C-alpha atoms as a PDB file:
ATOM      1  CA  MET A   1     -10.026  65.448 147.424  1.00  0.00           C
ATOM      2  CA  ASN A   2      -6.240  65.460 147.321  1.00  0.00           C
ATOM      3  CA  ALA A   3      -3.924  68.174 145.985  1.00  0.00           C
ATOM      4  CA  MET A   4      -3.436  66.522 142.574  1.00  0.00           C
ATOM      5  CA  GLN A   5      -7.197  66.230 142.030  1.00  0.00           C
ATOM      6  CA  LYS A   6      -7.635  69.896 142.977  1.00  0.00           C
ATOM      7  CA  GLN A   7      -4.931  70.920 140.490  1.00  0.00           C
ATOM      8  CA  VAL A   8      -6.515  68.894 137.686  1.00  0.00           C
ATOM      9  CA  LEU A   9      -9.950  70.309 138.515  1.00  0.00           C
ATOM     10  CA  ALA A  10      -8.578  73.880 138.532  1.00  0.00           C
ATOM     11  CA  GLY A  11      -6.807  73.237 135.222  1.00  0.00           C
ATOM     12  CA  GLY A  12     -10.009  71.904 133.663  1.00  0.00           C
ATOM     13  CA  ALA A  13     -11.957  74.936 134.897  1.00  0.00           C
ATOM     14  CA  ALA A  14      -9.298  77.237 133.409  1.00  0.00           C
ATOM     15  CA  VAL A  15      -9.514  75.445 130.059  1.00  0.00           C
ATOM     16  CA  MET A  16     -13.308  75.772 130.054  1.00  0.00           C
ATOM     17  CA  LEU A  17     -13.033  79.476 130.910  1.00  0.00           C
ATOM     18  CA  LEU A  18     -10.628  80.029 128.004  1.00  0.00           C
ATOM     19  CA  MET A  19     -13.003  78.149 125.702  1.00  0.00           C
ATOM     20  CA  GLY A  20     -15.743  80.537 126.790  1.00  0.00           C
ATOM     21  CA  LEU A  21     -13.557  83.604 126.221  1.00  0.00           C
ATOM     22  CA  PHE A  22     -12.521  82.411 122.742  1.00  0.00           C
ATOM     23  CA  PRO A  23     -15.646  80.615 121.464  1.00  0.00           C
ATOM     24  CA  PRO A  24     -16.195  79.079 118.027  1.00  0.00           C
ATOM     25  CA  TRP A  25     -18.047  81.394 115.645  1.00  0.00           C
ATOM     26  CA  THR A  26     -20.324  80.709 112.688  1.00  0.00           C
ATOM     27  CA  LYS A  27     -20.863  82.960 109.677  1.00  0.00           C
ATOM     28  CA  VAL A  28     -24.480  83.018 108.575  1.00  0.00           C
ATOM     29  CA  THR A  29     -24.980  84.243 105.004  1.00  0.00           C
ATOM     30  CA  HIS A  30     -28.409  85.355 103.840  1.00  0.00           C
ATOM     31  CA  GLU A  31     -28.839  85.543 100.072  1.00  0.00           C
ATOM     32  CA  PHE A  32     -31.653  87.627  98.623  1.00  0.00           C
ATOM     33  CA  GLY A  33     -32.236  87.537  94.883  1.00  0.00           C
ATOM     34  CA  SER A  34     -34.853  87.398  92.178  1.00  0.00           C
ATOM     35  CA  VAL A  35     -36.039  84.058  90.843  1.00  0.00           C
ATOM     36  CA  GLY A  36     -36.560  83.689  87.095  1.00  0.00           C
ATOM     37  CA  GLY A  37     -36.963  87.407  86.418  1.00  0.00           C
ATOM     38  CA  ASN A  38     -40.645  87.316  87.365  1.00  0.00           C
ATOM     39  CA  GLY A  39     -40.377  89.630  90.363  1.00  0.00           C
ATOM     40  CA  PHE A  40     -40.273  86.898  92.987  1.00  0.00           C
ATOM     41  CA  PHE A  41     -37.501  87.023  95.534  1.00  0.00           C
ATOM     42  CA  ALA A  42     -35.820  84.074  97.153  1.00  0.00           C
ATOM     43  CA  HIS A  43     -34.052  83.907 100.478  1.00  0.00           C
ATOM     44  CA  THR A  44     -31.481  81.262 101.272  1.00  0.00           C
ATOM     45  CA  GLU A  45     -29.380  80.925 104.374  1.00  0.00           C
ATOM     46  CA  THR A  46     -26.065  79.125 104.736  1.00  0.00           C
ATOM     47  CA  GLU A  47     -23.807  78.632 107.733  1.00  0.00           C
ATOM     48  CA  GLN A  48     -20.094  77.945 107.798  1.00  0.00           C
ATOM     49  CA  PRO A  49     -17.512  77.909 110.584  1.00  0.00           C
ATOM     50  CA  ALA A  50     -15.707  81.206 111.124  1.00  0.00           C
ATOM     51  CA  GLY A  51     -12.990  79.987 113.477  1.00  0.00           C
ATOM     52  CA  TYR A  52     -12.267  81.112 117.010  1.00  0.00           C
ATOM     53  CA  SER A  53     -12.116  84.697 118.161  1.00  0.00           C
ATOM     54  CA  PHE A  54     -12.224  86.688 121.393  1.00  0.00           C
ATOM     55  CA  LEU A  55     -15.735  86.951 122.815  1.00  0.00           C
ATOM     56  CA  PHE A  56     -15.851  90.758 122.534  1.00  0.00           C
ATOM     57  CA  ASP A  57     -14.110  90.919 119.119  1.00  0.00           C
ATOM     58  CA  PRO A  58     -16.058  88.584 116.786  1.00  0.00           C
ATOM     59  CA  PRO A  59     -15.138  87.991 113.124  1.00  0.00           C
ATOM     60  CA  GLU A  60     -16.542  90.383 110.522  1.00  0.00           C
ATOM     61  CA  PRO A  61     -19.802  89.372 108.787  1.00  0.00           C
ATOM     62  CA  VAL A  62     -20.081  89.044 104.996  1.00  0.00           C
ATOM     63  CA  LYS A  63     -21.822  91.850 103.083  1.00  0.00           C
ATOM     64  CA  SER A  64     -21.601  91.895  99.291  1.00  0.00           C
ATOM     65  CA  SER A  65     -23.459  91.479  96.031  1.00  0.00           C
ATOM     66  CA  ASP A  66     -22.713  89.668  92.787  1.00  0.00           C
ATOM     67  CA  SER A  67     -23.049  90.604  89.107  1.00  0.00           C
ATOM     68  CA  ASN A  68     -26.602  89.167  88.957  1.00  0.00           C
ATOM     69  CA  GLY A  69     -27.844  91.652  91.533  1.00  0.00           C
ATOM     70  CA  ASN A  70     -28.129  89.104  94.319  1.00  0.00           C
ATOM     71  CA  ILE A  71     -27.406  90.612  97.715  1.00  0.00           C
ATOM     72  CA  TYR A  72     -25.504  88.673 100.352  1.00  0.00           C
ATOM     73  CA  HIS A  73     -25.961  89.850 103.907  1.00  0.00           C
ATOM     74  CA  GLY A  74     -24.150  88.057 106.656  1.00  0.00           C
ATOM     75  CA  SER A  75     -24.185  87.824 110.386  1.00  0.00           C
ATOM     76  CA  ILE A  76     -21.994  86.218 113.001  1.00  0.00           C
ATOM     77  CA  LYS A  77     -23.085  84.068 115.903  1.00  0.00           C
ATOM     78  CA  ILE A  78     -21.458  81.872 118.502  1.00  0.00           C
ATOM     79  CA  ASP A  79     -21.590  78.182 117.609  1.00  0.00           C
ATOM     80  CA  PHE A  80     -23.113  77.057 120.915  1.00  0.00           C
ATOM     81  CA  ASN A  81     -23.424  73.422 119.805  1.00  0.00           C
ATOM     82  CA  ARG A  82     -19.683  73.157 119.211  1.00  0.00           C
ATOM     83  CA  LEU A  83     -18.877  75.091 122.408  1.00  0.00           C
ATOM     84  CA  LEU A  84     -21.093  72.816 124.508  1.00  0.00           C
ATOM     85  CA  LEU A  85     -19.506  69.766 122.889  1.00  0.00           C
ATOM     86  CA  GLN A  86     -16.043  71.072 123.802  1.00  0.00           C
ATOM     87  CA  TRP A  87     -17.116  71.735 127.388  1.00  0.00           C
ATOM     88  CA  ALA A  88     -18.664  68.259 127.597  1.00  0.00           C
ATOM     89  CA  MET A  89     -15.415  66.681 126.414  1.00  0.00           C
ATOM     90  CA  VAL A  90     -13.416  68.543 129.093  1.00  0.00           C
ATOM     91  CA  ALA A  91     -15.964  67.515 131.732  1.00  0.00           C
ATOM     92  CA  PHE A  92     -15.753  63.891 130.539  1.00  0.00           C
ATOM     93  CA  VAL A  93     -11.949  63.901 130.834  1.00  0.00           C
ATOM     94  CA  LEU A  94     -12.160  65.457 134.305  1.00  0.00           C
ATOM     95  CA  VAL A  95     -14.728  62.931 135.511  1.00  0.00           C
ATOM     96  CA  ALA A  96     -12.528  60.117 134.183  1.00  0.00           C
ATOM     97  CA  ALA A  97      -9.290  61.557 135.605  1.00  0.00           C
ATOM     98  CA  LEU A  98     -10.392  62.441 139.143  1.00  0.00           C
ATOM     99  CA  PRO A  99     -11.001  58.859 140.380  1.00  0.00           C
ATOM    100  CA  TYR A 100      -7.757  57.749 138.743  1.00  0.00           C
ATOM    101  CA  LEU A 101      -5.866  60.406 140.730  1.00  0.00           C
ATOM    102  CA  LYS A 102      -7.553  59.468 144.021  1.00  0.00           C
ATOM    103  CA  ASP A 103      -4.572  57.555 145.371  1.00  0.00           C
ATOM    104  CA  CYS A 104      -1.928  59.813 143.883  1.00  0.00           C
ATOM    105  CA  ASP A 105      -0.808  61.337 147.225  1.00  0.00           C
ATOM    106  CA  LYS A 106      -0.447  57.997 149.001  1.00  0.00           C
ATOM    107  CA  LYS A 107       3.053  56.580 149.133  1.00  0.00           C
END
């Protein structure tokens, strides 16, 4: 492995490390409320992207209620599917770039 390949590999590892330190987050909202006024309660769950944030300082979860008495309780989780996709894309670029840079030091 030549010097250029080592630099590209180190750069890719640094990018993947930064992606791990600032992962994508997902807000999960749980809605609890009565259905039809007959005493039954419903639970629905929705997920939406919450952006990127430092690993040890995640975004704030949603906690509120509306005028109908429905309670919204939220949580935050790392979007591992998106993070793994990002890491796979970096790995793909590295695997494609390293053979291309094989003869880079030869003059």
